[in-house]
Amino acid sequence: MDIEKALHFLRTNAQAYAEAKANRIYLSEFRKSKKALLMISAEQQGKRTSQQRESYAYGHQEYVQLLEGLKVAIEVEEKLSLDIERAKLMVEVWRTNESTKRAEMAGYGNRS
């Protein structure tokens, strides 16, 4: 187990994770704005009922593209999150191993 690699990964990927999470949240919130804008556009095109406007918005190419972007953002965030969690677990395993070694050494010292 390479503890230095795990610690380096945690240090160097904090910013990337923050950016990935910010992108995911931004796209998730922007999705609501895009739907509203598309519904206004649908109304201007003569779609009178809210059902017609909503169907237009959800089926619009721009909305579908936004969903694809949101999918990618979620994937990036989740991968970084899982990699960070893995690195944290590696550090915890290392700490446990080091503690066990210290306890064993102390035990050997008491037997002499």
PDB file of N, CA and C in Angstrom:
ATOM      1  N   MET A   1       0.847  -1.171   0.000  1.00  0.00           N
ATOM      2  CA  MET A   1       0.000   0.000   0.000  1.00  0.00           C
ATOM      3  C   MET A   1       0.898   1.243   0.000  1.00  0.00           C
ATOM      4  N   ASP A   2       0.627   2.133  -0.915  1.00  0.00           N
ATOM      5  CA  ASP A   2       1.443   3.337  -1.025  1.00  0.00           C
ATOM      6  C   ASP A   2       0.683   4.523  -0.422  1.00  0.00           C
ATOM      7  N   ILE A   3       0.978   4.779   0.833  1.00  0.00           N
ATOM      8  CA  ILE A   3       0.286   5.845   1.558  1.00  0.00           C
ATOM      9  C   ILE A   3       0.569   7.211   0.962  1.00  0.00           C
ATOM     10  N   GLU A   4       1.783   7.392   0.463  1.00  0.00           N
ATOM     11  CA  GLU A   4       2.128   8.685  -0.139  1.00  0.00           C
ATOM     12  C   GLU A   4       1.279   8.966  -1.362  1.00  0.00           C
ATOM     13  N   LYS A   5       1.018   7.942  -2.170  1.00  0.00           N
ATOM     14  CA  LYS A   5       0.161   8.117  -3.349  1.00  0.00           C
ATOM     15  C   LYS A   5      -1.251   8.507  -2.931  1.00  0.00           C
ATOM     16  N   ALA A   6      -1.763   7.848  -1.902  1.00  0.00           N
ATOM     17  CA  ALA A   6      -3.117   8.154  -1.419  1.00  0.00           C
ATOM     18  C   ALA A   6      -3.202   9.588  -0.911  1.00  0.00           C
ATOM     19  N   LEU A   7      -2.217   9.994  -0.121  1.00  0.00           N
ATOM     20  CA  LEU A   7      -2.214  11.366   0.401  1.00  0.00           C
ATOM     21  C   LEU A   7      -2.053  12.393  -0.718  1.00  0.00           C
ATOM     22  N   HIS A   8      -1.191  12.083  -1.677  1.00  0.00           N
ATOM     23  CA  HIS A   8      -1.004  12.975  -2.826  1.00  0.00           C
ATOM     24  C   HIS A   8      -2.305  13.103  -3.619  1.00  0.00           C
ATOM     25  N   PHE A   9      -2.978  11.985  -3.826  1.00  0.00           N
ATOM     26  CA  PHE A   9      -4.249  12.012  -4.546  1.00  0.00           C
ATOM     27  C   PHE A   9      -5.258  12.907  -3.829  1.00  0.00           C
ATOM     28  N   LEU A  10      -5.357  12.763  -2.516  1.00  0.00           N
ATOM     29  CA  LEU A  10      -6.299  13.591  -1.747  1.00  0.00           C
ATOM     30  C   LEU A  10      -5.957  15.076  -1.872  1.00  0.00           C
ATOM     31  N   ARG A  11      -4.648  15.388  -1.794  1.00  0.00           N
ATOM     32  CA  ARG A  11      -4.227  16.792  -1.896  1.00  0.00           C
ATOM     33  C   ARG A  11      -4.519  17.367  -3.279  1.00  0.00           C
ATOM     34  N   THR A  12      -4.245  16.604  -4.307  1.00  0.00           N
ATOM     35  CA  THR A  12      -4.311  17.156  -5.663  1.00  0.00           C
ATOM     36  C   THR A  12      -5.697  17.096  -6.293  1.00  0.00           C
ATOM     37  N   ASN A  13      -6.626  16.352  -5.709  1.00  0.00           N
ATOM     38  CA  ASN A  13      -7.940  16.218  -6.334  1.00  0.00           C
ATOM     39  C   ASN A  13      -9.067  16.923  -5.601  1.00  0.00           C
ATOM     40  N   ALA A  14      -8.758  17.605  -4.543  1.00  0.00           N
ATOM     41  CA  ALA A  14      -9.798  18.331  -3.809  1.00  0.00           C
ATOM     42  C   ALA A  14     -10.446  19.396  -4.695  1.00  0.00           C
ATOM     43  N   GLN A  15      -9.637  20.146  -5.413  1.00  0.00           N
ATOM     44  CA  GLN A  15     -10.160  21.200  -6.287  1.00  0.00           C
ATOM     45  C   GLN A  15     -10.985  20.612  -7.431  1.00  0.00           C
ATOM     46  N   ALA A  16     -10.503  19.535  -8.016  1.00  0.00           N
ATOM     47  CA  ALA A  16     -11.228  18.892  -9.120  1.00  0.00           C
ATOM     48  C   ALA A  16     -12.596  18.399  -8.651  1.00  0.00           C
ATOM     49  N   TYR A  17     -12.635  17.828  -7.451  1.00  0.00           N
ATOM     50  CA  TYR A  17     -13.912  17.364  -6.908  1.00  0.00           C
ATOM     51  C   TYR A  17     -14.855  18.540  -6.654  1.00  0.00           C
ATOM     52  N   ALA A  18     -14.329  19.613  -6.095  1.00  0.00           N
ATOM     53  CA  ALA A  18     -15.158  20.799  -5.833  1.00  0.00           C
ATOM     54  C   ALA A  18     -15.740  21.345  -7.136  1.00  0.00           C
ATOM     55  N   GLU A  19     -14.922  21.402  -8.163  1.00  0.00           N
ATOM     56  CA  GLU A  19     -15.394  21.889  -9.464  1.00  0.00           C
ATOM     57  C   GLU A  19     -16.436  20.948 -10.063  1.00  0.00           C
ATOM     58  N   ALA A  20     -16.204  19.651  -9.952  1.00  0.00           N
ATOM     59  CA  ALA A  20     -17.159  18.681 -10.490  1.00  0.00           C
ATOM     60  C   ALA A  20     -18.506  18.794  -9.783  1.00  0.00           C
ATOM     61  N   LYS A  21     -18.458  18.953  -8.474  1.00  0.00           N
ATOM     62  CA  LYS A  21     -19.707  19.085  -7.714  1.00  0.00           C
ATOM     63  C   LYS A  21     -20.418  20.387  -8.065  1.00  0.00           C
ATOM     64  N   ALA A  22     -19.660  21.466  -8.194  1.00  0.00           N
ATOM     65  CA  ALA A  22     -20.254  22.755  -8.570  1.00  0.00           C
ATOM     66  C   ALA A  22     -20.902  22.668  -9.950  1.00  0.00           C
ATOM     67  N   ASN A  23     -20.234  22.001 -10.889  1.00  0.00           N
ATOM     68  CA  ASN A  23     -20.803  21.842 -12.230  1.00  0.00           C
ATOM     69  C   ASN A  23     -22.095  21.054 -12.197  1.00  0.00           C
ATOM     70  N   ARG A  24     -22.102  19.978 -11.431  1.00  0.00           N
ATOM     71  CA  ARG A  24     -23.305  19.153 -11.336  1.00  0.00           C
ATOM     72  C   ARG A  24     -24.467  19.937 -10.735  1.00  0.00           C
ATOM     73  N   ILE A  25     -24.205  20.671  -9.676  1.00  0.00           N
ATOM     74  CA  ILE A  25     -25.266  21.454  -9.038  1.00  0.00           C
ATOM     75  C   ILE A  25     -25.741  22.563  -9.971  1.00  0.00           C
ATOM     76  N   TYR A  26     -24.804  23.233 -10.632  1.00  0.00           N
ATOM     77  CA  TYR A  26     -25.172  24.296 -11.575  1.00  0.00           C
ATOM     78  C   TYR A  26     -26.076  23.760 -12.678  1.00  0.00           C
ATOM     79  N   LEU A  27     -25.679  22.646 -13.293  1.00  0.00           N
ATOM     80  CA  LEU A  27     -26.487  22.087 -14.385  1.00  0.00           C
ATOM     81  C   LEU A  27     -27.848  21.628 -13.887  1.00  0.00           C
ATOM     82  N   SER A  28     -27.877  21.084 -12.691  1.00  0.00           N
ATOM     83  CA  SER A  28     -29.142  20.644 -12.113  1.00  0.00           C
ATOM     84  C   SER A  28     -30.094  21.827 -11.911  1.00  0.00           C
ATOM     85  N   GLU A  29     -29.558  22.925 -11.430  1.00  0.00           N
ATOM     86  CA  GLU A  29     -30.379  24.124 -11.235  1.00  0.00           C
ATOM     87  C   GLU A  29     -30.716  24.804 -12.566  1.00  0.00           C
ATOM     88  N   PHE A  30     -29.760  24.821 -13.490  1.00  0.00           N
ATOM     89  CA  PHE A  30     -29.990  25.452 -14.790  1.00  0.00           C
ATOM     90  C   PHE A  30     -31.066  24.712 -15.575  1.00  0.00           C
ATOM     91  N   ARG A  31     -31.197  23.426 -15.323  1.00  0.00           N
ATOM     92  CA  ARG A  31     -32.233  22.622 -15.978  1.00  0.00           C
ATOM     93  C   ARG A  31     -33.615  23.237 -15.754  1.00  0.00           C
ATOM     94  N   LYS A  32     -33.859  23.735 -14.575  1.00  0.00           N
ATOM     95  CA  LYS A  32     -35.154  24.361 -14.261  1.00  0.00           C
ATOM     96  C   LYS A  32     -35.336  25.640 -15.074  1.00  0.00           C
ATOM     97  N   SER A  33     -34.271  26.437 -15.165  1.00  0.00           N
ATOM     98  CA  SER A  33     -34.340  27.680 -15.943  1.00  0.00           C
ATOM     99  C   SER A  33     -34.553  27.372 -17.414  1.00  0.00           C
ATOM    100  N   LYS A  34     -33.839  26.378 -17.928  1.00  0.00           N
ATOM    101  CA  LYS A  34     -33.975  26.008 -19.340  1.00  0.00           C
ATOM    102  C   LYS A  34     -35.396  25.557 -19.635  1.00  0.00           C
ATOM    103  N   LYS A  35     -35.975  24.780 -18.753  1.00  0.00           N
ATOM    104  CA  LYS A  35     -37.359  24.343 -18.947  1.00  0.00           C
ATOM    105  C   LYS A  35     -38.289  25.542 -19.005  1.00  0.00           C
ATOM    106  N   ALA A  36     -38.113  26.487 -18.101  1.00  0.00           N
ATOM    107  CA  ALA A  36     -38.967  27.672 -18.087  1.00  0.00           C
ATOM    108  C   ALA A  36     -38.810  28.480 -19.375  1.00  0.00           C
ATOM    109  N   LEU A  37     -37.573  28.660 -19.819  1.00  0.00           N
ATOM    110  CA  LEU A  37     -37.324  29.407 -21.061  1.00  0.00           C
ATOM    111  C   LEU A  37     -37.952  28.708 -22.262  1.00  0.00           C
ATOM    112  N   LEU A  38     -37.844  27.404 -22.306  1.00  0.00           N
ATOM    113  CA  LEU A  38     -38.438  26.651 -23.414  1.00  0.00           C
ATOM    114  C   LEU A  38     -39.961  26.677 -23.360  1.00  0.00           C
ATOM    115  N   MET A  39     -40.506  26.691 -22.170  1.00  0.00           N
ATOM    116  CA  MET A  39     -41.969  26.777 -22.042  1.00  0.00           C
ATOM    117  C   MET A  39     -42.471  28.143 -22.515  1.00  0.00           C
ATOM    118  N   ILE A  40     -41.708  29.188 -22.242  1.00  0.00           N
ATOM    119  CA  ILE A  40     -42.058  30.521 -22.748  1.00  0.00           C
ATOM    120  C   ILE A  40     -41.996  30.520 -24.275  1.00  0.00           C
ATOM    121  N   SER A  41     -40.973  29.914 -24.816  1.00  0.00           N
ATOM    122  CA  SER A  41     -40.834  29.813 -26.268  1.00  0.00           C
ATOM    123  C   SER A  41     -41.999  29.039 -26.874  1.00  0.00           C
ATOM    124  N   ALA A  42     -42.410  27.974 -26.219  1.00  0.00           N
ATOM    125  CA  ALA A  42     -43.540  27.176 -26.696  1.00  0.00           C
ATOM    126  C   ALA A  42     -44.820  28.004 -26.700  1.00  0.00           C
ATOM    127  N   GLU A  43     -44.994  28.818 -25.657  1.00  0.00           N
ATOM    128  CA  GLU A  43     -46.182  29.671 -25.578  1.00  0.00           C
ATOM    129  C   GLU A  43     -46.188  30.674 -26.727  1.00  0.00           C
ATOM    130  N   GLN A  44     -45.028  31.235 -27.019  1.00  0.00           N
ATOM    131  CA  GLN A  44     -44.918  32.190 -28.125  1.00  0.00           C
ATOM    132  C   GLN A  44     -45.199  31.528 -29.472  1.00  0.00           C
ATOM    133  N   GLN A  45     -44.992  30.218 -29.535  1.00  0.00           N
ATOM    134  CA  GLN A  45     -45.260  29.472 -30.766  1.00  0.00           C
ATOM    135  C   GLN A  45     -46.706  28.981 -30.835  1.00  0.00           C
ATOM    136  N   GLY A  46     -47.509  29.390 -29.860  1.00  0.00           N
ATOM    137  CA  GLY A  46     -48.936  29.073 -29.911  1.00  0.00           C
ATOM    138  C   GLY A  46     -49.369  27.856 -29.118  1.00  0.00           C
ATOM    139  N   LYS A  47     -48.494  27.286 -28.367  1.00  0.00           N
ATOM    140  CA  LYS A  47     -48.882  26.140 -27.538  1.00  0.00           C
ATOM    141  C   LYS A  47     -49.574  26.708 -26.307  1.00  0.00           C
ATOM    142  N   ARG A  48     -50.843  26.429 -26.193  1.00  0.00           N
ATOM    143  CA  ARG A  48     -51.673  27.112 -25.192  1.00  0.00           C
ATOM    144  C   ARG A  48     -51.699  26.426 -23.821  1.00  0.00           C
ATOM    145  N   THR A  49     -51.780  25.135 -23.812  1.00  0.00           N
ATOM    146  CA  THR A  49     -51.910  24.470 -22.506  1.00  0.00           C
ATOM    147  C   THR A  49     -50.541  24.248 -21.872  1.00  0.00           C
ATOM    148  N   SER A  50     -50.561  24.122 -20.589  1.00  0.00           N
ATOM    149  CA  SER A  50     -49.313  23.875 -19.864  1.00  0.00           C
ATOM    150  C   SER A  50     -48.743  22.508 -20.250  1.00  0.00           C
ATOM    151  N   GLN A  51     -49.601  21.549 -20.509  1.00  0.00           N
ATOM    152  CA  GLN A  51     -49.149  20.215 -20.953  1.00  0.00           C
ATOM    153  C   GLN A  51     -48.399  20.321 -22.278  1.00  0.00           C
ATOM    154  N   GLN A  52     -48.906  21.090 -23.211  1.00  0.00           N
ATOM    155  CA  GLN A  52     -48.250  21.272 -24.509  1.00  0.00           C
ATOM    156  C   GLN A  52     -46.895  21.961 -24.343  1.00  0.00           C
ATOM    157  N   ARG A  53     -46.869  22.989 -23.505  1.00  0.00           N
ATOM    158  CA  ARG A  53     -45.622  23.727 -23.294  1.00  0.00           C
ATOM    159  C   ARG A  53     -44.573  22.855 -22.613  1.00  0.00           C
ATOM    160  N   GLU A  54     -45.022  22.086 -21.619  1.00  0.00           N
ATOM    161  CA  GLU A  54     -44.093  21.222 -20.904  1.00  0.00           C
ATOM    162  C   GLU A  54     -43.559  20.116 -21.830  1.00  0.00           C
ATOM    163  N   SER A  55     -44.417  19.529 -22.623  1.00  0.00           N
ATOM    164  CA  SER A  55     -43.985  18.497 -23.580  1.00  0.00           C
ATOM    165  C   SER A  55     -42.978  19.069 -24.570  1.00  0.00           C
ATOM    166  N   TYR A  56     -43.230  20.273 -25.025  1.00  0.00           N
ATOM    167  CA  TYR A  56     -42.308  20.934 -25.940  1.00  0.00           C
ATOM    168  C   TYR A  56     -40.947  21.110 -25.275  1.00  0.00           C
ATOM    169  N   ALA A  57     -40.960  21.591 -24.028  1.00  0.00           N
ATOM    170  CA  ALA A  57     -39.709  21.859 -23.312  1.00  0.00           C
ATOM    171  C   ALA A  57     -38.920  20.567 -23.086  1.00  0.00           C
ATOM    172  N   TYR A  58     -39.582  19.539 -22.589  1.00  0.00           N
ATOM    173  CA  TYR A  58     -38.882  18.280 -22.294  1.00  0.00           C
ATOM    174  C   TYR A  58     -38.364  17.590 -23.553  1.00  0.00           C
ATOM    175  N   GLY A  59     -39.034  17.783 -24.647  1.00  0.00           N
ATOM    176  CA  GLY A  59     -38.620  17.147 -25.886  1.00  0.00           C
ATOM    177  C   GLY A  59     -37.655  17.961 -26.727  1.00  0.00           C
ATOM    178  N   HIS A  60     -37.412  19.193 -26.318  1.00  0.00           N
ATOM    179  CA  HIS A  60     -36.557  20.090 -27.100  1.00  0.00           C
ATOM    180  C   HIS A  60     -35.104  19.606 -27.067  1.00  0.00           C
ATOM    181  N   GLN A  61     -34.425  19.760 -28.195  1.00  0.00           N
ATOM    182  CA  GLN A  61     -33.036  19.302 -28.327  1.00  0.00           C
ATOM    183  C   GLN A  61     -32.121  19.969 -27.293  1.00  0.00           C
ATOM    184  N   GLU A  62     -32.325  21.238 -27.023  1.00  0.00           N
ATOM    185  CA  GLU A  62     -31.477  21.936 -26.047  1.00  0.00           C
ATOM    186  C   GLU A  62     -31.638  21.341 -24.645  1.00  0.00           C
ATOM    187  N   TYR A  63     -32.872  20.951 -24.305  1.00  0.00           N
ATOM    188  CA  TYR A  63     -33.115  20.363 -22.989  1.00  0.00           C
ATOM    189  C   TYR A  63     -32.461  18.983 -22.906  1.00  0.00           C
ATOM    190  N   VAL A  64     -32.584  18.199 -23.970  1.00  0.00           N
ATOM    191  CA  VAL A  64     -31.981  16.869 -24.008  1.00  0.00           C
ATOM    192  C   VAL A  64     -30.459  16.979 -23.916  1.00  0.00           C
ATOM    193  N   GLN A  65     -29.871  17.966 -24.600  1.00  0.00           N
ATOM    194  CA  GLN A  65     -28.422  18.176 -24.523  1.00  0.00           C
ATOM    195  C   GLN A  65     -28.005  18.554 -23.106  1.00  0.00           C
ATOM    196  N   LEU A  66     -28.811  19.374 -22.457  1.00  0.00           N
ATOM    197  CA  LEU A  66     -28.514  19.749 -21.076  1.00  0.00           C
ATOM    198  C   LEU A  66     -28.522  18.507 -20.183  1.00  0.00           C
ATOM    199  N   LEU A  67     -29.482  17.612 -20.404  1.00  0.00           N
ATOM    200  CA  LEU A  67     -29.539  16.381 -19.615  1.00  0.00           C
ATOM    201  C   LEU A  67     -28.305  15.518 -19.851  1.00  0.00           C
ATOM    202  N   GLU A  68     -27.823  15.480 -21.086  1.00  0.00           N
ATOM    203  CA  GLU A  68     -26.600  14.729 -21.378  1.00  0.00           C
ATOM    204  C   GLU A  68     -25.413  15.344 -20.635  1.00  0.00           C
ATOM    205  N   GLY A  69     -25.351  16.671 -20.612  1.00  0.00           N
ATOM    206  CA  GLY A  69     -24.290  17.348 -19.865  1.00  0.00           C
ATOM    207  C   GLY A  69     -24.381  17.064 -18.382  1.00  0.00           C
ATOM    208  N   LEU A  70     -25.602  17.042 -17.861  1.00  0.00           N
ATOM    209  CA  LEU A  70     -25.812  16.733 -16.442  1.00  0.00           C
ATOM    210  C   LEU A  70     -25.372  15.303 -16.140  1.00  0.00           C
ATOM    211  N   LYS A  71     -25.659  14.398 -17.048  1.00  0.00           N
ATOM    212  CA  LYS A  71     -25.232  13.002 -16.886  1.00  0.00           C
ATOM    213  C   LYS A  71     -23.715  12.918 -16.775  1.00  0.00           C
ATOM    214  N   VAL A  72     -23.011  13.602 -17.645  1.00  0.00           N
ATOM    215  CA  VAL A  72     -21.543  13.599 -17.629  1.00  0.00           C
ATOM    216  C   VAL A  72     -21.031  14.220 -16.329  1.00  0.00           C
ATOM    217  N   ALA A  73     -21.650  15.337 -15.917  1.00  0.00           N
ATOM    218  CA  ALA A  73     -21.222  16.009 -14.682  1.00  0.00           C
ATOM    219  C   ALA A  73     -21.396  15.099 -13.470  1.00  0.00           C
ATOM    220  N   ILE A  74     -22.491  14.369 -13.428  1.00  0.00           N
ATOM    221  CA  ILE A  74     -22.729  13.442 -12.315  1.00  0.00           C
ATOM    222  C   ILE A  74     -21.689  12.328 -12.331  1.00  0.00           C
ATOM    223  N   GLU A  75     -21.400  11.822 -13.512  1.00  0.00           N
ATOM    224  CA  GLU A  75     -20.408  10.750 -13.650  1.00  0.00           C
ATOM    225  C   GLU A  75     -19.034  11.203 -13.167  1.00  0.00           C
ATOM    226  N   VAL A  76     -18.624  12.397 -13.565  1.00  0.00           N
ATOM    227  CA  VAL A  76     -17.314  12.930 -13.147  1.00  0.00           C
ATOM    228  C   VAL A  76     -17.281  13.113 -11.636  1.00  0.00           C
ATOM    229  N   GLU A  77     -18.336  13.713 -11.081  1.00  0.00           N
ATOM    230  CA  GLU A  77     -18.381  13.938  -9.637  1.00  0.00           C
ATOM    231  C   GLU A  77     -18.346  12.625  -8.866  1.00  0.00           C
ATOM    232  N   GLU A  78     -19.136  11.651  -9.295  1.00  0.00           N
ATOM    233  CA  GLU A  78     -19.193  10.378  -8.582  1.00  0.00           C
ATOM    234  C   GLU A  78     -17.865   9.631  -8.646  1.00  0.00           C
ATOM    235  N   LYS A  79     -17.222   9.648  -9.797  1.00  0.00           N
ATOM    236  CA  LYS A  79     -15.929   8.978  -9.910  1.00  0.00           C
ATOM    237  C   LYS A  79     -14.911   9.601  -8.963  1.00  0.00           C
ATOM    238  N   LEU A  80     -14.844  10.935  -8.958  1.00  0.00           N
ATOM    239  CA  LEU A  80     -13.913  11.600  -8.042  1.00  0.00           C
ATOM    240  C   LEU A  80     -14.275  11.311  -6.590  1.00  0.00           C
ATOM    241  N   SER A  81     -15.550  11.328  -6.291  1.00  0.00           N
ATOM    242  CA  SER A  81     -16.000  11.060  -4.929  1.00  0.00           C
ATOM    243  C   SER A  81     -15.592   9.659  -4.479  1.00  0.00           C
ATOM    244  N   LEU A  82     -15.801   8.679  -5.348  1.00  0.00           N
ATOM    245  CA  LEU A  82     -15.430   7.303  -5.002  1.00  0.00           C
ATOM    246  C   LEU A  82     -13.914   7.139  -4.905  1.00  0.00           C
ATOM    247  N   ASP A  83     -13.176   7.792  -5.794  1.00  0.00           N
ATOM    248  CA  ASP A  83     -11.710   7.728  -5.723  1.00  0.00           C
ATOM    249  C   ASP A  83     -11.189   8.368  -4.440  1.00  0.00           C
ATOM    250  N   ILE A  84     -11.788   9.474  -4.050  1.00  0.00           N
ATOM    251  CA  ILE A  84     -11.394  10.142  -2.803  1.00  0.00           C
ATOM    252  C   ILE A  84     -11.722   9.255  -1.611  1.00  0.00           C
ATOM    253  N   GLU A  85     -12.887   8.635  -1.634  1.00  0.00           N
ATOM    254  CA  GLU A  85     -13.267   7.736  -0.540  1.00  0.00           C
ATOM    255  C   GLU A  85     -12.294   6.557  -0.460  1.00  0.00           C
ATOM    256  N   ARG A  86     -11.902   6.024  -1.616  1.00  0.00           N
ATOM    257  CA  ARG A  86     -10.929   4.928  -1.655  1.00  0.00           C
ATOM    258  C   ARG A  86      -9.599   5.360  -1.043  1.00  0.00           C
ATOM    259  N   ALA A  87      -9.150   6.556  -1.383  1.00  0.00           N
ATOM    260  CA  ALA A  87      -7.888   7.063  -0.834  1.00  0.00           C
ATOM    261  C   ALA A  87      -8.001   7.247   0.681  1.00  0.00           C
ATOM    262  N   LYS A  88      -9.137   7.738   1.142  1.00  0.00           N
ATOM    263  CA  LYS A  88      -9.341   7.899   2.591  1.00  0.00           C
ATOM    264  C   LYS A  88      -9.304   6.542   3.297  1.00  0.00           C
ATOM    265  N   LEU A  89      -9.920   5.559   2.678  1.00  0.00           N
ATOM    266  CA  LEU A  89      -9.907   4.224   3.273  1.00  0.00           C
ATOM    267  C   LEU A  89      -8.496   3.652   3.319  1.00  0.00           C
ATOM    268  N   MET A  90      -7.716   3.923   2.273  1.00  0.00           N
ATOM    269  CA  MET A  90      -6.320   3.469   2.272  1.00  0.00           C
ATOM    270  C   MET A  90      -5.558   4.096   3.436  1.00  0.00           C
ATOM    271  N   VAL A  91      -5.799   5.374   3.686  1.00  0.00           N
ATOM    272  CA  VAL A  91      -5.139   6.052   4.800  1.00  0.00           C
ATOM    273  C   VAL A  91      -5.580   5.421   6.122  1.00  0.00           C
ATOM    274  N   GLU A  92      -6.862   5.109   6.261  1.00  0.00           N
ATOM    275  CA  GLU A  92      -7.350   4.494   7.497  1.00  0.00           C
ATOM    276  C   GLU A  92      -6.754   3.105   7.708  1.00  0.00           C
ATOM    277  N   VAL A  93      -6.643   2.334   6.646  1.00  0.00           N
ATOM    278  CA  VAL A  93      -6.020   1.005   6.751  1.00  0.00           C
ATOM    279  C   VAL A  93      -4.562   1.160   7.168  1.00  0.00           C
ATOM    280  N   TRP A  94      -3.871   2.098   6.570  1.00  0.00           N
ATOM    281  CA  TRP A  94      -2.467   2.351   6.927  1.00  0.00           C
ATOM    282  C   TRP A  94      -2.353   2.721   8.402  1.00  0.00           C
ATOM    283  N   ARG A  95      -3.250   3.630   8.840  1.00  0.00           N
ATOM    284  CA  ARG A  95      -3.218   4.048  10.253  1.00  0.00           C
ATOM    285  C   ARG A  95      -3.448   2.856  11.180  1.00  0.00           C
ATOM    286  N   THR A  96      -4.406   2.017  10.820  1.00  0.00           N
ATOM    287  CA  THR A  96      -4.693   0.833  11.634  1.00  0.00           C
ATOM    288  C   THR A  96      -3.489  -0.097  11.682  1.00  0.00           C
ATOM    289  N   ASN A  97      -2.870  -0.307  10.522  1.00  0.00           N
ATOM    290  CA  ASN A  97      -1.676  -1.156  10.474  1.00  0.00           C
ATOM    291  C   ASN A  97      -0.542  -0.587  11.321  1.00  0.00           C
ATOM    292  N   GLU A  98      -0.344   0.710  11.238  1.00  0.00           N
ATOM    293  CA  GLU A  98       0.708   1.350  12.035  1.00  0.00           C
ATOM    294  C   GLU A  98       0.411   1.226  13.524  1.00  0.00           C
ATOM    295  N   SER A  99      -0.838   1.383  13.893  1.00  0.00           N
ATOM    296  CA  SER A  99      -1.225   1.242  15.302  1.00  0.00           C
ATOM    297  C   SER A  99      -0.990  -0.184  15.788  1.00  0.00           C
ATOM    298  N   THR A 100      -1.323  -1.149  14.933  1.00  0.00           N
ATOM    299  CA  THR A 100      -1.089  -2.558  15.276  1.00  0.00           C
ATOM    300  C   THR A 100       0.398  -2.828  15.453  1.00  0.00           C
ATOM    301  N   LYS A 101       1.215  -2.273  14.570  1.00  0.00           N
ATOM    302  CA  LYS A 101       2.673  -2.451  14.679  1.00  0.00           C
ATOM    303  C   LYS A 101       3.185  -1.874  15.998  1.00  0.00           C
ATOM    304  N   ARG A 102       2.690  -0.673  16.341  1.00  0.00           N
ATOM    305  CA  ARG A 102       3.133  -0.056  17.604  1.00  0.00           C
ATOM    306  C   ARG A 102       2.725  -0.906  18.800  1.00  0.00           C
ATOM    307  N   ALA A 103       1.511  -1.438  18.745  1.00  0.00           N
ATOM    308  CA  ALA A 103       1.032  -2.279  19.855  1.00  0.00           C
ATOM    309  C   ALA A 103       1.864  -3.551  19.961  1.00  0.00           C
ATOM    310  N   GLU A 104       2.190  -4.138  18.814  1.00  0.00           N
ATOM    311  CA  GLU A 104       3.030  -5.347  18.826  1.00  0.00           C
ATOM    312  C   GLU A 104       4.416  -5.040  19.378  1.00  0.00           C
ATOM    313  N   MET A 105       4.986  -3.913  18.954  1.00  0.00           N
ATOM    314  CA  MET A 105       6.313  -3.553  19.445  1.00  0.00           C
ATOM    315  C   MET A 105       6.288  -3.320  20.942  1.00  0.00           C
ATOM    316  N   ALA A 106       5.228  -2.681  21.408  1.00  0.00           N
ATOM    317  CA  ALA A 106       5.112  -2.437  22.847  1.00  0.00           C
ATOM    318  C   ALA A 106       4.965  -3.775  23.582  1.00  0.00           C
ATOM    319  N   GLY A 107       4.233  -4.692  22.990  1.00  0.00           N
ATOM    320  CA  GLY A 107       4.063  -6.016  23.590  1.00  0.00           C
ATOM    321  C   GLY A 107       5.365  -6.778  23.660  1.00  0.00           C
ATOM    322  N   TYR A 108       6.160  -6.690  22.622  1.00  0.00           N
ATOM    323  CA  TYR A 108       7.463  -7.350  22.625  1.00  0.00           C
ATOM    324  C   TYR A 108       8.377  -6.731  23.662  1.00  0.00           C
ATOM    325  N   GLY A 109       8.271  -5.422  23.804  1.00  0.00           N
ATOM    326  CA  GLY A 109       9.103  -4.725  24.786  1.00  0.00           C
ATOM    327  C   GLY A 109       8.787  -5.137  26.202  1.00  0.00           C
ATOM    328  N   ASN A 110       7.548  -5.443  26.494  1.00  0.00           N
ATOM    329  CA  ASN A 110       7.144  -5.847  27.826  1.00  0.00           C
ATOM    330  C   ASN A 110       7.558  -7.276  28.145  1.00  0.00           C
ATOM    331  N   ARG A 111       7.775  -8.110  27.149  1.00  0.00           N
ATOM    332  CA  ARG A 111       8.157  -9.508  27.376  1.00  0.00           C
ATOM    333  C   ARG A 111       9.629  -9.652  27.713  1.00  0.00           C
ATOM    334  N   SER A 112      10.427  -8.710  27.327  1.00  0.00           N
ATOM    335  CA  SER A 112      11.885  -8.852  27.508  1.00  0.00           C
ATOM    336  C   SER A 112      12.308  -8.655  28.921  1.00  0.00           C
TER     337      SER A 112
END
